[in-house]
């Protein structure tokens, strides 16, 4: 049995840079694409890198920019 890869989380600023969008867009995506909410100890939003990649792939498949 193969081990599962560890989840990688990005803060909102790094996630926005990765996706090429503003932080506000990420908040919209969290609801639109039903992304799993994650927070650090200080209550800051974190984004799962795998979920972000899936959203970007989905948007590319839909022809969205």
N, C-alpha and C. Protein backbone atom coordinates (compact mmCIF):
# COMPACT_ATOMS: atom_id res chain seq x y z
N UNK A 1 0.84 -1.18 0.00
CA UNK A 1 0.00 0.00 0.00
C UNK A 1 0.89 1.25 0.00
N UNK A 2 0.62 2.17 -0.89
CA UNK A 2 1.42 3.38 -1.00
C UNK A 2 0.97 4.42 0.02
N UNK A 3 1.91 5.16 0.60
CA UNK A 3 1.51 6.23 1.53
C UNK A 3 0.85 7.36 0.76
N UNK A 4 -0.09 8.03 1.42
CA UNK A 4 -0.74 9.17 0.80
C UNK A 4 0.15 10.40 0.97
N UNK A 5 0.20 11.25 -0.03
CA UNK A 5 1.03 12.45 0.10
C UNK A 5 0.46 13.40 1.14
N UNK A 6 1.35 14.11 1.81
CA UNK A 6 0.92 15.08 2.82
C UNK A 6 0.25 16.27 2.14
N UNK A 7 -0.75 16.83 2.83
CA UNK A 7 -1.40 18.01 2.29
C UNK A 7 -0.47 19.21 2.45
N UNK A 8 -0.51 20.08 1.46
CA UNK A 8 0.26 21.31 1.51
C UNK A 8 -0.73 22.46 1.54
N UNK A 9 -0.56 23.34 2.52
CA UNK A 9 -1.46 24.48 2.68
C UNK A 9 -0.72 25.78 2.42
N UNK A 10 -1.41 26.70 1.77
CA UNK A 10 -0.87 28.03 1.48
C UNK A 10 -1.75 29.07 2.16
N UNK A 11 -1.12 30.15 2.63
CA UNK A 11 -1.93 31.25 3.16
C UNK A 11 -2.56 31.97 1.97
N UNK A 12 -3.47 32.89 2.26
CA UNK A 12 -4.24 33.55 1.20
C UNK A 12 -3.34 34.28 0.20
N UNK A 13 -2.31 34.95 0.69
CA UNK A 13 -1.43 35.68 -0.22
C UNK A 13 -0.67 34.77 -1.17
N UNK A 14 -0.11 33.69 -0.63
CA UNK A 14 0.62 32.74 -1.47
C UNK A 14 -0.32 32.00 -2.41
N UNK A 15 -1.52 31.67 -1.92
CA UNK A 15 -2.49 30.97 -2.77
C UNK A 15 -2.93 31.86 -3.93
N UNK A 16 -3.14 33.14 -3.64
CA UNK A 16 -3.54 34.08 -4.70
C UNK A 16 -2.44 34.21 -5.74
N UNK A 17 -1.20 34.28 -5.29
CA UNK A 17 -0.06 34.36 -6.22
C UNK A 17 0.02 33.10 -7.07
N UNK A 18 -0.14 31.94 -6.45
CA UNK A 18 -0.11 30.67 -7.17
C UNK A 18 -1.16 30.62 -8.27
N UNK A 19 -2.36 31.13 -7.95
CA UNK A 19 -3.48 31.07 -8.90
C UNK A 19 -3.51 32.25 -9.87
N UNK A 20 -2.75 33.30 -9.57
CA UNK A 20 -2.75 34.48 -10.43
C UNK A 20 -4.00 35.32 -10.28
N UNK A 21 -4.58 35.31 -9.07
CA UNK A 21 -5.80 36.08 -8.80
C UNK A 21 -5.61 36.88 -7.50
N UNK A 22 -6.60 37.70 -7.19
CA UNK A 22 -6.57 38.45 -5.93
C UNK A 22 -7.12 37.58 -4.80
N UNK A 23 -6.79 37.93 -3.58
CA UNK A 23 -7.28 37.19 -2.41
C UNK A 23 -8.80 37.16 -2.36
N UNK A 24 -9.44 38.25 -2.78
CA UNK A 24 -10.91 38.30 -2.78
C UNK A 24 -11.49 37.23 -3.70
N UNK A 25 -10.82 36.94 -4.79
CA UNK A 25 -11.28 35.91 -5.71
C UNK A 25 -11.27 34.54 -5.04
N UNK A 26 -10.27 34.31 -4.21
CA UNK A 26 -10.20 33.03 -3.50
C UNK A 26 -11.40 32.84 -2.58
N UNK A 27 -11.83 33.92 -1.94
CA UNK A 27 -13.00 33.83 -1.07
C UNK A 27 -14.24 33.44 -1.87
N UNK A 28 -14.37 33.98 -3.08
CA UNK A 28 -15.50 33.62 -3.95
C UNK A 28 -15.38 32.14 -4.34
N UNK A 29 -14.20 31.72 -4.71
CA UNK A 29 -13.99 30.34 -5.13
C UNK A 29 -14.30 29.36 -4.01
N UNK A 30 -13.99 29.74 -2.75
CA UNK A 30 -14.26 28.84 -1.63
C UNK A 30 -15.73 28.44 -1.61
N UNK A 31 -16.59 29.38 -1.91
CA UNK A 31 -18.03 29.10 -1.92
C UNK A 31 -18.47 28.46 -3.24
N UNK A 32 -18.02 29.02 -4.34
CA UNK A 32 -18.46 28.53 -5.66
C UNK A 32 -18.04 27.08 -5.90
N UNK A 33 -16.82 26.75 -5.52
CA UNK A 33 -16.31 25.40 -5.78
C UNK A 33 -16.34 24.51 -4.54
N UNK A 34 -16.98 25.00 -3.49
CA UNK A 34 -17.15 24.23 -2.25
C UNK A 34 -15.83 23.66 -1.75
N UNK A 35 -14.86 24.53 -1.66
CA UNK A 35 -13.55 24.12 -1.16
C UNK A 35 -13.63 23.88 0.34
N UNK A 36 -12.85 22.94 0.82
CA UNK A 36 -12.83 22.63 2.24
C UNK A 36 -12.17 23.77 3.01
N UNK A 37 -12.86 24.32 4.02
CA UNK A 37 -12.25 25.41 4.78
C UNK A 37 -11.19 24.90 5.74
N UNK A 38 -10.06 25.58 5.78
CA UNK A 38 -8.97 25.28 6.70
C UNK A 38 -8.53 26.59 7.32
N UNK A 39 -8.13 26.54 8.59
CA UNK A 39 -7.63 27.73 9.26
C UNK A 39 -6.43 27.35 10.11
N UNK A 40 -5.52 28.32 10.27
CA UNK A 40 -4.40 28.10 11.17
C UNK A 40 -4.81 28.45 12.58
N UNK A 41 -3.91 28.40 13.51
CA UNK A 41 -4.22 28.67 14.92
C UNK A 41 -4.71 30.09 15.16
N UNK A 42 -4.32 31.01 14.29
CA UNK A 42 -4.72 32.41 14.43
C UNK A 42 -6.02 32.72 13.71
N UNK A 43 -6.64 31.71 13.10
CA UNK A 43 -7.90 31.90 12.39
C UNK A 43 -7.75 32.39 10.96
N UNK A 44 -6.53 32.40 10.45
CA UNK A 44 -6.30 32.83 9.07
C UNK A 44 -6.67 31.69 8.12
N UNK A 45 -7.26 32.06 6.97
CA UNK A 45 -7.65 31.05 5.99
C UNK A 45 -6.42 30.44 5.34
N UNK A 46 -6.48 29.13 5.17
CA UNK A 46 -5.45 28.39 4.46
C UNK A 46 -6.11 27.67 3.30
N UNK A 47 -5.36 27.47 2.23
CA UNK A 47 -5.87 26.83 1.03
C UNK A 47 -5.04 25.60 0.71
N UNK A 48 -5.72 24.50 0.47
CA UNK A 48 -5.07 23.24 0.12
C UNK A 48 -4.57 23.34 -1.33
N UNK A 49 -3.29 23.10 -1.51
CA UNK A 49 -2.68 23.22 -2.83
C UNK A 49 -3.35 22.29 -3.84
N UNK A 50 -3.70 21.09 -3.43
CA UNK A 50 -4.35 20.14 -4.34
C UNK A 50 -5.73 20.65 -4.77
N UNK A 51 -6.47 21.26 -3.84
CA UNK A 51 -7.78 21.81 -4.19
C UNK A 51 -7.63 23.00 -5.14
N UNK A 52 -6.64 23.83 -4.90
CA UNK A 52 -6.40 24.97 -5.80
C UNK A 52 -6.07 24.48 -7.21
N UNK A 53 -5.22 23.46 -7.30
CA UNK A 53 -4.86 22.92 -8.61
C UNK A 53 -6.09 22.35 -9.31
N UNK A 54 -6.98 21.70 -8.54
CA UNK A 54 -8.20 21.14 -9.12
C UNK A 54 -9.13 22.24 -9.63
N UNK A 55 -9.24 23.33 -8.87
CA UNK A 55 -10.08 24.45 -9.30
C UNK A 55 -9.51 25.07 -10.57
N UNK A 56 -8.20 25.26 -10.60
CA UNK A 56 -7.58 25.84 -11.81
C UNK A 56 -7.80 24.94 -13.02
N UNK A 57 -7.67 23.63 -12.83
CA UNK A 57 -7.89 22.69 -13.94
C UNK A 57 -9.34 22.73 -14.39
N UNK A 58 -10.25 22.80 -13.43
CA UNK A 58 -11.67 22.86 -13.77
C UNK A 58 -11.98 24.13 -14.55
N UNK A 59 -11.43 25.24 -14.10
CA UNK A 59 -11.67 26.52 -14.78
C UNK A 59 -11.06 26.49 -16.19
N UNK A 60 -9.91 25.89 -16.34
CA UNK A 60 -9.28 25.80 -17.66
C UNK A 60 -10.12 24.94 -18.59
N UNK A 61 -10.72 23.88 -18.05
CA UNK A 61 -11.58 23.00 -18.83
C UNK A 61 -12.88 23.68 -19.25
N UNK A 62 -13.35 24.63 -18.42
CA UNK A 62 -14.57 25.37 -18.73
C UNK A 62 -14.31 26.52 -19.69
N UNK A 63 -13.03 26.78 -19.98
CA UNK A 63 -12.68 27.90 -20.83
C UNK A 63 -12.68 29.22 -20.08
N UNK A 64 -12.75 29.16 -18.74
CA UNK A 64 -12.73 30.39 -17.93
C UNK A 64 -11.31 30.89 -17.77
N UNK A 65 -11.19 32.20 -17.63
CA UNK A 65 -9.86 32.77 -17.44
C UNK A 65 -9.54 32.93 -15.99
